[in-house]
């Protein structure tokens, strides 16, 4: 999210100070406080963390590739060297068959950099099996990361042309992976679809986005007053978020269990 992650980077840098190691075998890293709430049921600010069950930790990086990079750098000296870092959160669909709430287990990551990040580690098959038993649709695939929000169906079509193997788009996974690789940390990625391939994100949603990834309600209402035709798209996006949120809740419960921890 270009130009919006400065406060997030500062918060993560402050949170990363200190030398106490985190012994959790799995550290979940999400970009947005609302994703953290869906995963854990607890409100977390950017840079904050909390246990997720007895065997995992959840941390909030802030949105965008720069905040993602800085969050992993801050974590590098604090987590157990054998731990796996799991980037988790919402993504937009590029593949037309994907629906809001579907889960993507990342098998490859691409972005606009000259060389792609290392392939993410595979989560144990029991992770996908548990999520499927909970009723979620789960598939593996390539995720493309961008520096700013992809807010139209046309922009998604363009990405699909440039990265024909990619099925979903986010802003942080490639940055998480590159920094994790630089520090020798195992990295995996799991994303939940929010906006489907045919959906755009109305200006009211992007214009009202605060630097911490939350919505500034007065700005949203002002945008709707100026362009009321956005309302149907905004309502559809809200419905899609509720489906994605429900899937994240299932993921949070599943990943907090010791039998789904990464080896």
C-alpha atoms as a PDB file:
ATOM      1  CA  UNK A   1       0.000   0.000   0.000  1.00  0.00           C
ATOM      2  CA  UNK A   2       2.291   2.690  -1.304  1.00  0.00           C
ATOM      3  CA  UNK A   3       2.725   5.690   0.943  1.00  0.00           C
ATOM      4  CA  UNK A   4       0.644   4.251   3.798  1.00  0.00           C
ATOM      5  CA  UNK A   5       3.037   2.083   5.749  1.00  0.00           C
ATOM      6  CA  UNK A   6       5.347   4.619   7.455  1.00  0.00           C
ATOM      7  CA  UNK A   7       3.522   4.512  10.838  1.00  0.00           C
ATOM      8  CA  UNK A   8       3.336   0.752  10.575  1.00  0.00           C
ATOM      9  CA  UNK A   9       7.091   0.485  10.085  1.00  0.00           C
ATOM     10  CA  UNK A  10       7.757   2.650  13.133  1.00  0.00           C
ATOM     11  CA  UNK A  11       5.406   0.586  15.284  1.00  0.00           C
ATOM     12  CA  UNK A  12       7.002  -2.673  14.224  1.00  0.00           C
ATOM     13  CA  UNK A  13      10.513  -1.350  14.792  1.00  0.00           C
ATOM     14  CA  UNK A  14       9.588  -0.310  18.329  1.00  0.00           C
ATOM     15  CA  UNK A  15       7.969  -3.655  19.034  1.00  0.00           C
ATOM     16  CA  UNK A  16      11.038  -5.485  17.784  1.00  0.00           C
ATOM     17  CA  UNK A  17      13.400  -3.972  20.349  1.00  0.00           C
ATOM     18  CA  UNK A  18      14.687  -6.306  23.024  1.00  0.00           C
ATOM     19  CA  UNK A  19      16.376  -9.694  23.094  1.00  0.00           C
ATOM     20  CA  UNK A  20      13.761 -12.095  24.499  1.00  0.00           C
ATOM     21  CA  UNK A  21      13.374 -15.020  22.119  1.00  0.00           C
ATOM     22  CA  UNK A  22       9.926 -16.292  21.222  1.00  0.00           C
ATOM     23  CA  UNK A  23       9.997 -20.091  21.514  1.00  0.00           C
ATOM     24  CA  UNK A  24       6.796 -20.676  19.513  1.00  0.00           C
ATOM     25  CA  UNK A  25       7.290 -23.152  16.643  1.00  0.00           C
ATOM     26  CA  UNK A  26       4.838 -21.197  14.467  1.00  0.00           C
ATOM     27  CA  UNK A  27       4.642 -17.402  14.229  1.00  0.00           C
ATOM     28  CA  UNK A  28       1.695 -16.020  12.266  1.00  0.00           C
ATOM     29  CA  UNK A  29       2.227 -12.599  10.716  1.00  0.00           C
ATOM     30  CA  UNK A  30      -0.737 -10.660   9.324  1.00  0.00           C
ATOM     31  CA  UNK A  31      -0.856  -7.132   7.951  1.00  0.00           C
ATOM     32  CA  UNK A  32      -4.041  -5.719   9.448  1.00  0.00           C
ATOM     33  CA  UNK A  33      -5.535  -5.482  12.943  1.00  0.00           C
ATOM     34  CA  UNK A  34      -8.883  -6.650  11.548  1.00  0.00           C
ATOM     35  CA  UNK A  35      -7.205  -9.824  10.230  1.00  0.00           C
ATOM     36  CA  UNK A  36      -5.670 -10.402  13.664  1.00  0.00           C
ATOM     37  CA  UNK A  37      -9.091  -9.988  15.261  1.00  0.00           C
ATOM     38  CA  UNK A  38     -10.617 -12.512  12.879  1.00  0.00           C
ATOM     39  CA  UNK A  39      -7.832 -14.998  13.633  1.00  0.00           C
ATOM     40  CA  UNK A  40      -7.783 -14.574  17.417  1.00  0.00           C
ATOM     41  CA  UNK A  41     -10.865 -12.686  18.588  1.00  0.00           C
ATOM     42  CA  UNK A  42      -8.576 -10.088  20.176  1.00  0.00           C
ATOM     43  CA  UNK A  43      -7.882  -6.524  19.015  1.00  0.00           C
ATOM     44  CA  UNK A  44      -4.156  -6.074  18.266  1.00  0.00           C
ATOM     45  CA  UNK A  45      -2.442  -2.897  17.128  1.00  0.00           C
ATOM     46  CA  UNK A  46       0.299  -2.885  14.517  1.00  0.00           C
ATOM     47  CA  UNK A  47       3.493  -4.209  16.103  1.00  0.00           C
ATOM     48  CA  UNK A  48       1.600  -6.070  18.837  1.00  0.00           C
ATOM     49  CA  UNK A  49       1.518  -9.818  19.372  1.00  0.00           C
ATOM     50  CA  UNK A  50      -0.282 -12.433  21.416  1.00  0.00           C
ATOM     51  CA  UNK A  51      -0.227 -16.219  21.849  1.00  0.00           C
ATOM     52  CA  UNK A  52      -2.502 -18.226  19.583  1.00  0.00           C
ATOM     53  CA  UNK A  53      -3.136 -21.371  21.580  1.00  0.00           C
ATOM     54  CA  UNK A  54      -0.162 -22.893  23.379  1.00  0.00           C
ATOM     55  CA  UNK A  55       2.073 -23.391  20.366  1.00  0.00           C
ATOM     56  CA  UNK A  56       1.814 -20.335  18.123  1.00  0.00           C
ATOM     57  CA  UNK A  57       2.197 -16.563  18.211  1.00  0.00           C
ATOM     58  CA  UNK A  58       0.271 -13.979  16.209  1.00  0.00           C
ATOM     59  CA  UNK A  59       1.787 -10.614  15.247  1.00  0.00           C
ATOM     60  CA  UNK A  60       0.572  -7.658  13.178  1.00  0.00           C
ATOM     61  CA  UNK A  61       3.029  -6.185  10.672  1.00  0.00           C
ATOM     62  CA  UNK A  62       1.072  -3.322   9.147  1.00  0.00           C
ATOM     63  CA  UNK A  63       0.047  -3.133   5.482  1.00  0.00           C
ATOM     64  CA  UNK A  64       2.352  -2.974   2.470  1.00  0.00           C
ATOM     65  CA  UNK A  65       5.698  -4.456   1.461  1.00  0.00           C
ATOM     66  CA  UNK A  66       7.896  -2.048   3.447  1.00  0.00           C
ATOM     67  CA  UNK A  67       6.061  -2.708   6.707  1.00  0.00           C
ATOM     68  CA  UNK A  68       6.150  -6.437   5.913  1.00  0.00           C
ATOM     69  CA  UNK A  69       9.905  -6.382   5.399  1.00  0.00           C
ATOM     70  CA  UNK A  70      10.526  -4.403   8.576  1.00  0.00           C
ATOM     71  CA  UNK A  71       8.305  -6.689  10.642  1.00  0.00           C
ATOM     72  CA  UNK A  72      10.273  -9.776   9.648  1.00  0.00           C
ATOM     73  CA  UNK A  73      13.571  -7.968  10.292  1.00  0.00           C
ATOM     74  CA  UNK A  74      12.351  -7.034  13.779  1.00  0.00           C
ATOM     75  CA  UNK A  75      11.286 -10.621  14.450  1.00  0.00           C
ATOM     76  CA  UNK A  76      14.487 -12.231  13.183  1.00  0.00           C
ATOM     77  CA  UNK A  77      16.434 -11.953  16.441  1.00  0.00           C
ATOM     78  CA  UNK A  78      13.423 -12.801  18.608  1.00  0.00           C
ATOM     79  CA  UNK A  79      12.032 -16.067  17.311  1.00  0.00           C
ATOM     80  CA  UNK A  80      13.361 -19.568  17.691  1.00  0.00           C
ATOM     81  CA  UNK A  81      15.689 -20.417  14.764  1.00  0.00           C
ATOM     82  CA  UNK A  82      13.666 -23.560  14.089  1.00  0.00           C
ATOM     83  CA  UNK A  83      10.347 -21.688  13.951  1.00  0.00           C
ATOM     84  CA  UNK A  84       8.272 -21.250  10.826  1.00  0.00           C
ATOM     85  CA  UNK A  85       6.933 -17.810   9.936  1.00  0.00           C
ATOM     86  CA  UNK A  86       3.471 -17.983   8.356  1.00  0.00           C
ATOM     87  CA  UNK A  87       2.224 -14.984   6.404  1.00  0.00           C
ATOM     88  CA  UNK A  88      -1.561 -15.010   6.682  1.00  0.00           C
ATOM     89  CA  UNK A  89      -4.404 -12.672   5.764  1.00  0.00           C
ATOM     90  CA  UNK A  90      -6.744 -11.748   2.944  1.00  0.00           C
ATOM     91  CA  UNK A  91      -6.026 -11.555  -0.777  1.00  0.00           C
ATOM     92  CA  UNK A  92      -7.794 -10.710  -4.016  1.00  0.00           C
ATOM     93  CA  UNK A  93      -8.650 -13.452  -6.478  1.00  0.00           C
ATOM     94  CA  UNK A  94      -7.111 -13.544  -9.939  1.00  0.00           C
ATOM     95  CA  UNK A  95      -8.489 -16.964 -10.879  1.00  0.00           C
ATOM     96  CA  UNK A  96     -12.179 -16.615 -11.797  1.00  0.00           C
ATOM     97  CA  UNK A  97     -13.161 -19.857 -10.066  1.00  0.00           C
ATOM     98  CA  UNK A  98     -12.119 -18.590  -6.624  1.00  0.00           C
ATOM     99  CA  UNK A  99     -14.800 -17.294  -4.254  1.00  0.00           C
ATOM    100  CA  UNK A 100     -14.704 -15.147  -1.141  1.00  0.00           C
ATOM    101  CA  UNK A 101     -13.660 -17.308   1.803  1.00  0.00           C
ATOM    102  CA  UNK A 102     -11.559 -19.745  -0.230  1.00  0.00           C
ATOM    103  CA  UNK A 103      -8.146 -20.569   1.245  1.00  0.00           C
ATOM    104  CA  UNK A 104      -4.933 -20.442  -0.796  1.00  0.00           C
ATOM    105  CA  UNK A 105      -1.830 -22.292   0.377  1.00  0.00           C
ATOM    106  CA  UNK A 106       1.005 -20.516  -1.403  1.00  0.00           C
ATOM    107  CA  UNK A 107       3.342 -22.742  -3.402  1.00  0.00           C
ATOM    108  CA  UNK A 108       5.199 -19.925  -5.208  1.00  0.00           C
ATOM    109  CA  UNK A 109       5.496 -16.150  -4.870  1.00  0.00           C
ATOM    110  CA  UNK A 110       6.128 -13.541  -7.565  1.00  0.00           C
ATOM    111  CA  UNK A 111       6.279  -9.752  -7.766  1.00  0.00           C
ATOM    112  CA  UNK A 112       7.818  -6.987  -9.880  1.00  0.00           C
ATOM    113  CA  UNK A 113      11.361  -7.554  -8.596  1.00  0.00           C
ATOM    114  CA  UNK A 114      13.904  -8.945 -11.086  1.00  0.00           C
ATOM    115  CA  UNK A 115      14.143 -12.252  -9.209  1.00  0.00           C
ATOM    116  CA  UNK A 116      11.357 -14.075  -7.431  1.00  0.00           C
ATOM    117  CA  UNK A 117      11.511 -14.875  -3.712  1.00  0.00           C
ATOM    118  CA  UNK A 118      12.382 -18.401  -2.695  1.00  0.00           C
ATOM    119  CA  UNK A 119       9.443 -20.798  -2.857  1.00  0.00           C
ATOM    120  CA  UNK A 120       7.576 -20.836   0.454  1.00  0.00           C
ATOM    121  CA  UNK A 121       7.796 -23.872   2.684  1.00  0.00           C
ATOM    122  CA  UNK A 122       4.937 -26.321   2.468  1.00  0.00           C
ATOM    123  CA  UNK A 123       2.622 -26.439   5.436  1.00  0.00           C
ATOM    124  CA  UNK A 124       1.942 -29.972   6.697  1.00  0.00           C
ATOM    125  CA  UNK A 125      -0.831 -31.642   4.704  1.00  0.00           C
ATOM    126  CA  UNK A 126      -2.812 -31.984   7.936  1.00  0.00           C
ATOM    127  CA  UNK A 127      -3.301 -28.178   7.914  1.00  0.00           C
ATOM    128  CA  UNK A 128      -5.236 -28.289   4.657  1.00  0.00           C
ATOM    129  CA  UNK A 129      -7.005 -31.469   5.756  1.00  0.00           C
ATOM    130  CA  UNK A 130      -8.203 -29.852   8.985  1.00  0.00           C
ATOM    131  CA  UNK A 131      -9.466 -26.756   7.162  1.00  0.00           C
ATOM    132  CA  UNK A 132     -11.322 -28.889   4.625  1.00  0.00           C
ATOM    133  CA  UNK A 133     -12.946 -30.868   7.432  1.00  0.00           C
ATOM    134  CA  UNK A 134     -14.149 -27.521   8.796  1.00  0.00           C
ATOM    135  CA  UNK A 135     -15.915 -26.906   5.488  1.00  0.00           C
ATOM    136  CA  UNK A 136     -13.432 -24.551   3.790  1.00  0.00           C
ATOM    137  CA  UNK A 137     -12.408 -24.784   0.142  1.00  0.00           C
ATOM    138  CA  UNK A 138      -8.621 -25.075   0.066  1.00  0.00           C
ATOM    139  CA  UNK A 139      -6.276 -25.051  -2.912  1.00  0.00           C
ATOM    140  CA  UNK A 140      -2.593 -24.526  -3.533  1.00  0.00           C
ATOM    141  CA  UNK A 141      -1.282 -21.907  -5.938  1.00  0.00           C
ATOM    142  CA  UNK A 142       0.979 -19.005  -6.837  1.00  0.00           C
ATOM    143  CA  UNK A 143       0.474 -15.624  -5.170  1.00  0.00           C
ATOM    144  CA  UNK A 144       1.610 -12.339  -6.715  1.00  0.00           C
ATOM    145  CA  UNK A 145       2.452  -9.387  -4.453  1.00  0.00           C
ATOM    146  CA  UNK A 146       2.053  -5.759  -5.480  1.00  0.00           C
ATOM    147  CA  UNK A 147       3.123  -2.450  -3.931  1.00  0.00           C
ATOM    148  CA  UNK A 148      -0.391  -1.012  -3.835  1.00  0.00           C
ATOM    149  CA  UNK A 149      -4.002  -2.113  -3.737  1.00  0.00           C
ATOM    150  CA  UNK A 150      -5.277  -3.759  -6.927  1.00  0.00           C
ATOM    151  CA  UNK A 151      -8.706  -2.165  -6.972  1.00  0.00           C
ATOM    152  CA  UNK A 152     -10.344  -3.084 -10.277  1.00  0.00           C
ATOM    153  CA  UNK A 153     -11.226  -6.155 -12.289  1.00  0.00           C
ATOM    154  CA  UNK A 154      -9.227  -4.678 -15.192  1.00  0.00           C
ATOM    155  CA  UNK A 155      -6.086  -4.405 -13.039  1.00  0.00           C
ATOM    156  CA  UNK A 156      -6.555  -8.015 -11.977  1.00  0.00           C
ATOM    157  CA  UNK A 157      -6.869  -9.082 -15.611  1.00  0.00           C
ATOM    158  CA  UNK A 158      -3.617  -7.272 -16.356  1.00  0.00           C
ATOM    159  CA  UNK A 159      -1.861  -9.081 -13.503  1.00  0.00           C
ATOM    160  CA  UNK A 160      -3.190 -12.412 -14.727  1.00  0.00           C
ATOM    161  CA  UNK A 161      -1.749 -11.682 -18.170  1.00  0.00           C
ATOM    162  CA  UNK A 162       1.647 -10.800 -16.686  1.00  0.00           C
ATOM    163  CA  UNK A 163       1.665 -13.657 -14.169  1.00  0.00           C
ATOM    164  CA  UNK A 164      -0.447 -16.396 -15.776  1.00  0.00           C
ATOM    165  CA  UNK A 165       0.282 -18.922 -13.023  1.00  0.00           C
ATOM    166  CA  UNK A 166      -0.884 -16.648 -10.206  1.00  0.00           C
ATOM    167  CA  UNK A 167      -4.297 -17.271  -8.662  1.00  0.00           C
ATOM    168  CA  UNK A 168      -4.340 -14.508  -6.004  1.00  0.00           C
ATOM    169  CA  UNK A 169      -2.833 -11.109  -5.226  1.00  0.00           C
ATOM    170  CA  UNK A 170      -1.733  -9.505  -1.963  1.00  0.00           C
ATOM    171  CA  UNK A 171       0.750  -6.838  -0.874  1.00  0.00           C
ATOM    172  CA  UNK A 172       2.985  -8.523   1.718  1.00  0.00           C
ATOM    173  CA  UNK A 173       3.796 -12.176   0.987  1.00  0.00           C
ATOM    174  CA  UNK A 174       6.796 -11.617  -1.303  1.00  0.00           C
ATOM    175  CA  UNK A 175       8.307  -9.086   1.121  1.00  0.00           C
ATOM    176  CA  UNK A 176       7.778 -11.430   4.073  1.00  0.00           C
ATOM    177  CA  UNK A 177       9.441 -14.232   2.123  1.00  0.00           C
ATOM    178  CA  UNK A 178      12.452 -12.226   0.952  1.00  0.00           C
ATOM    179  CA  UNK A 179      13.270 -10.940   4.419  1.00  0.00           C
ATOM    180  CA  UNK A 180      12.695 -14.351   5.992  1.00  0.00           C
ATOM    181  CA  UNK A 181      15.074 -15.882   3.458  1.00  0.00           C
ATOM    182  CA  UNK A 182      17.667 -13.206   4.229  1.00  0.00           C
ATOM    183  CA  UNK A 183      17.566 -14.175   7.908  1.00  0.00           C
ATOM    184  CA  UNK A 184      17.381 -17.930   7.351  1.00  0.00           C
ATOM    185  CA  UNK A 185      13.818 -18.235   8.660  1.00  0.00           C
ATOM    186  CA  UNK A 186      11.460 -20.813   7.191  1.00  0.00           C
ATOM    187  CA  UNK A 187       8.452 -19.096   5.612  1.00  0.00           C
ATOM    188  CA  UNK A 188       5.049 -20.301   4.472  1.00  0.00           C
ATOM    189  CA  UNK A 189       1.984 -18.416   3.305  1.00  0.00           C
ATOM    190  CA  UNK A 190      -1.766 -18.848   3.601  1.00  0.00           C
ATOM    191  CA  UNK A 191      -4.280 -16.397   2.164  1.00  0.00           C
ATOM    192  CA  UNK A 192      -8.059 -16.151   2.247  1.00  0.00           C
ATOM    193  CA  UNK A 193      -9.872 -14.637  -0.725  1.00  0.00           C
ATOM    194  CA  UNK A 194     -11.925 -11.511  -0.110  1.00  0.00           C
ATOM    195  CA  UNK A 195     -12.613  -9.786  -3.467  1.00  0.00           C
ATOM    196  CA  UNK A 196     -13.309 -12.165  -6.332  1.00  0.00           C
ATOM    197  CA  UNK A 197     -11.706 -11.768  -9.743  1.00  0.00           C
ATOM    198  CA  UNK A 198     -14.685  -9.885 -11.231  1.00  0.00           C
ATOM    199  CA  UNK A 199     -14.944  -7.485  -8.278  1.00  0.00           C
ATOM    200  CA  UNK A 200     -13.444  -4.049  -7.957  1.00  0.00           C
ATOM    201  CA  UNK A 201     -12.847  -2.167  -4.729  1.00  0.00           C
ATOM    202  CA  UNK A 202     -14.912   1.042  -4.676  1.00  0.00           C
ATOM    203  CA  UNK A 203     -13.090   4.354  -4.105  1.00  0.00           C
ATOM    204  CA  UNK A 204     -14.915   4.822  -0.789  1.00  0.00           C
ATOM    205  CA  UNK A 205     -13.053   1.798   0.585  1.00  0.00           C
ATOM    206  CA  UNK A 206      -9.592   2.866  -0.578  1.00  0.00           C
ATOM    207  CA  UNK A 207      -9.969   6.588   0.137  1.00  0.00           C
ATOM    208  CA  UNK A 208     -11.080   5.925   3.712  1.00  0.00           C
ATOM    209  CA  UNK A 209      -8.228   3.534   4.473  1.00  0.00           C
ATOM    210  CA  UNK A 210      -6.109   4.799   7.369  1.00  0.00           C
ATOM    211  CA  UNK A 211      -2.338   4.143   7.617  1.00  0.00           C
ATOM    212  CA  UNK A 212      -3.040   1.344  10.107  1.00  0.00           C
ATOM    213  CA  UNK A 213      -5.308  -0.416   7.611  1.00  0.00           C
ATOM    214  CA  UNK A 214      -8.538   0.485   9.410  1.00  0.00           C
ATOM    215  CA  UNK A 215     -11.413   2.501   7.940  1.00  0.00           C
ATOM    216  CA  UNK A 216     -11.917   6.216   8.647  1.00  0.00           C
ATOM    217  CA  UNK A 217     -15.706   6.306   8.765  1.00  0.00           C
ATOM    218  CA  UNK A 218     -16.221  10.052   8.065  1.00  0.00           C
ATOM    219  CA  UNK A 219     -14.125   9.789   4.898  1.00  0.00           C
ATOM    220  CA  UNK A 220     -16.063   6.731   3.776  1.00  0.00           C
ATOM    221  CA  UNK A 221     -19.402   8.480   4.322  1.00  0.00           C
ATOM    222  CA  UNK A 222     -18.214  11.605   2.514  1.00  0.00           C
ATOM    223  CA  UNK A 223     -17.110   9.513  -0.461  1.00  0.00           C
ATOM    224  CA  UNK A 224     -20.516   7.815  -0.545  1.00  0.00           C
ATOM    225  CA  UNK A 225     -22.296  11.160  -0.425  1.00  0.00           C
ATOM    226  CA  UNK A 226     -20.272  12.374  -3.394  1.00  0.00           C
ATOM    227  CA  UNK A 227     -20.707   9.139  -5.366  1.00  0.00           C
ATOM    228  CA  UNK A 228     -23.721   7.184  -4.065  1.00  0.00           C
ATOM    229  CA  UNK A 229     -23.467   4.765  -6.980  1.00  0.00           C
ATOM    230  CA  UNK A 230     -20.634   3.073  -5.029  1.00  0.00           C
ATOM    231  CA  UNK A 231     -23.032   1.726  -2.427  1.00  0.00           C
ATOM    232  CA  UNK A 232     -23.868  -1.623  -4.119  1.00  0.00           C
ATOM    233  CA  UNK A 233     -20.159  -2.390  -4.644  1.00  0.00           C
ATOM    234  CA  UNK A 234     -19.387  -1.415  -1.068  1.00  0.00           C
ATOM    235  CA  UNK A 235     -22.135  -3.695   0.242  1.00  0.00           C
ATOM    236  CA  UNK A 236     -20.820  -6.581  -1.865  1.00  0.00           C
ATOM    237  CA  UNK A 237     -17.330  -5.978  -0.482  1.00  0.00           C
ATOM    238  CA  UNK A 238     -18.746  -6.044   3.049  1.00  0.00           C
ATOM    239  CA  UNK A 239     -20.416  -9.384   2.368  1.00  0.00           C
ATOM    240  CA  UNK A 240     -17.172 -10.745   0.921  1.00  0.00           C
ATOM    241  CA  UNK A 241     -15.264  -9.575   4.014  1.00  0.00           C
ATOM    242  CA  UNK A 242     -17.694 -11.423   6.287  1.00  0.00           C
ATOM    243  CA  UNK A 243     -17.068 -14.632   4.359  1.00  0.00           C
ATOM    244  CA  UNK A 244     -13.304 -14.091   4.473  1.00  0.00           C
ATOM    245  CA  UNK A 245     -13.506 -13.269   8.179  1.00  0.00           C
ATOM    246  CA  UNK A 246     -15.357 -16.511   8.878  1.00  0.00           C
ATOM    247  CA  UNK A 247     -12.640 -18.465   7.053  1.00  0.00           C
ATOM    248  CA  UNK A 248      -9.892 -16.657   8.967  1.00  0.00           C
ATOM    249  CA  UNK A 249     -11.630 -17.576  12.209  1.00  0.00           C
ATOM    250  CA  UNK A 250     -11.536 -21.246  11.203  1.00  0.00           C
ATOM    251  CA  UNK A 251      -7.870 -20.891  10.211  1.00  0.00           C
ATOM    252  CA  UNK A 252      -7.028 -19.295  13.560  1.00  0.00           C
ATOM    253  CA  UNK A 253      -8.650 -22.138  15.466  1.00  0.00           C
ATOM    254  CA  UNK A 254      -6.992 -24.766  13.311  1.00  0.00           C
ATOM    255  CA  UNK A 255      -3.505 -23.270  13.414  1.00  0.00           C
ATOM    256  CA  UNK A 256      -3.620 -22.888  17.191  1.00  0.00           C
ATOM    257  CA  UNK A 257      -3.798 -26.673  17.563  1.00  0.00           C
ATOM    258  CA  UNK A 258      -0.522 -28.538  18.121  1.00  0.00           C
ATOM    259  CA  UNK A 259      -1.297 -31.154  15.476  1.00  0.00           C
ATOM    260  CA  UNK A 260      -1.250 -28.478  12.750  1.00  0.00           C
ATOM    261  CA  UNK A 261       2.059 -26.885  13.712  1.00  0.00           C
ATOM    262  CA  UNK A 262       4.738 -26.751  11.043  1.00  0.00           C
ATOM    263  CA  UNK A 263       7.536 -29.275  11.574  1.00  0.00           C
END
